[in-house]
């Protein structure tokens, strides 16, 4: 038996062997570094908005790999493009380029409305894109600019520069001292922003919607004020759209609702439709010239397969009117969630949705939802998050809405000992995967 045949047989066996999931989890615990905690399930295949575990159970994926699978699982066009590109040219060093890399850069500049002199740097993930943005901010040092401002509640990644921008102390403390100069301001507080901004600030880094804090949108007024104030003092306005970009909010990029243009923007997650890729977009020639040859780089970033996957994803999003579907289904979900007993507040745009519960039982709700065949996430003890594929149908959304009251009732009544411990582990696992 060849290696390929053995792998195919193992995959097929995982679909039908009822003991396979437990066995894979045991092997996982023996072989994989435990930074993600214990996996909730062993998933073996997906199609559209559904996935199946190693025991054959089907789930409606309302998390989308945490806002990654914009077109769902195993999209036929995207998978065919990836396969074709890999069979043609898989990887070249950054001494060279490829047509797909150039075409993707041009497409992103067009979609973002970036003007003359704007550029794109390709990375492999969101945290790498943010790391590049951090270095861009450090390069805006004329006149002794040393300070970088970010917001309380923000999550920007786990590499050292991105972690310095991230506010959560539990993530930061084990790795301090972090790169210096970063200050965290109160969320959505324009007075605090105005008081902190002066000529000593190199950059302000913001998420238009804070996903890991519970899907908390910055107000349009705050974003516009940030643009106004940073322009006045010569600081860069850098928007982290890793989670909110590429149609997630029903627009190509969330900040477009405010009508502003940033100096830089980070992207990843949905950009590759499930294939790893990140990007830093710099707006205008002055900002684009801050990082010069030799000051940043990557081995795999912008490789032909990743950029082909992203081009195929963007094409499919355009050709299928998927952004309009994200708007329509997202609006439907938010309106119906607001009327569910136990839901106290609903937030978000498009199909990035957070809803608060009337108690701290969100982790238990994640566990119960999984039992009922739905994949969701609890970014906080009282908040549930939905970030499904943008192709989610209203019928699929309704199936979750039909099941939600019973899910919440069961979770609310769960004992604090065993069930709550399991739910907390599930919530931590999804946090750790960011």
Foldseek 3Di string as FASTA:
>chain_A
DDPVVVVVVLLVQLQDPQCNFVVVQVVCVVPPPQLLPRDPFAWRFWDFQWTAGSNNDIFREQCCLPQFQQRTGPDPLLVVLLVVLCVPFFFDFVVDADPLLVVLFVVVCVQQVFDPQKTKWKDFAQLVLVVVVLVLLVLLQPPRQQAEEEAPLAQRDQDQSRLLRHHDCVSVVVDPPGDDRYDHDYALDLVRVLVPDALNHAAYEYECFRQLSFGRGRDLVSVVSRLVRCVVNVHFYEYEQQNPACLQQLGRGPNVVSVDRGQKYKYFRHQLSPGGMIMIMGGHNVSVVSQDPPRDDDGGTSTRSSSSSSVSSSVCCVVVVLSVLLQVLVVVLQVLLCPAPQWDDWDGGRSWIKTFGPDQLVLLLQVLSVVVRYHWEDSGSGMITGRTHSNDDNVNSVVCSVCNNVSVVVSVPDDCPPSVVNSVSRNSSSVSSD
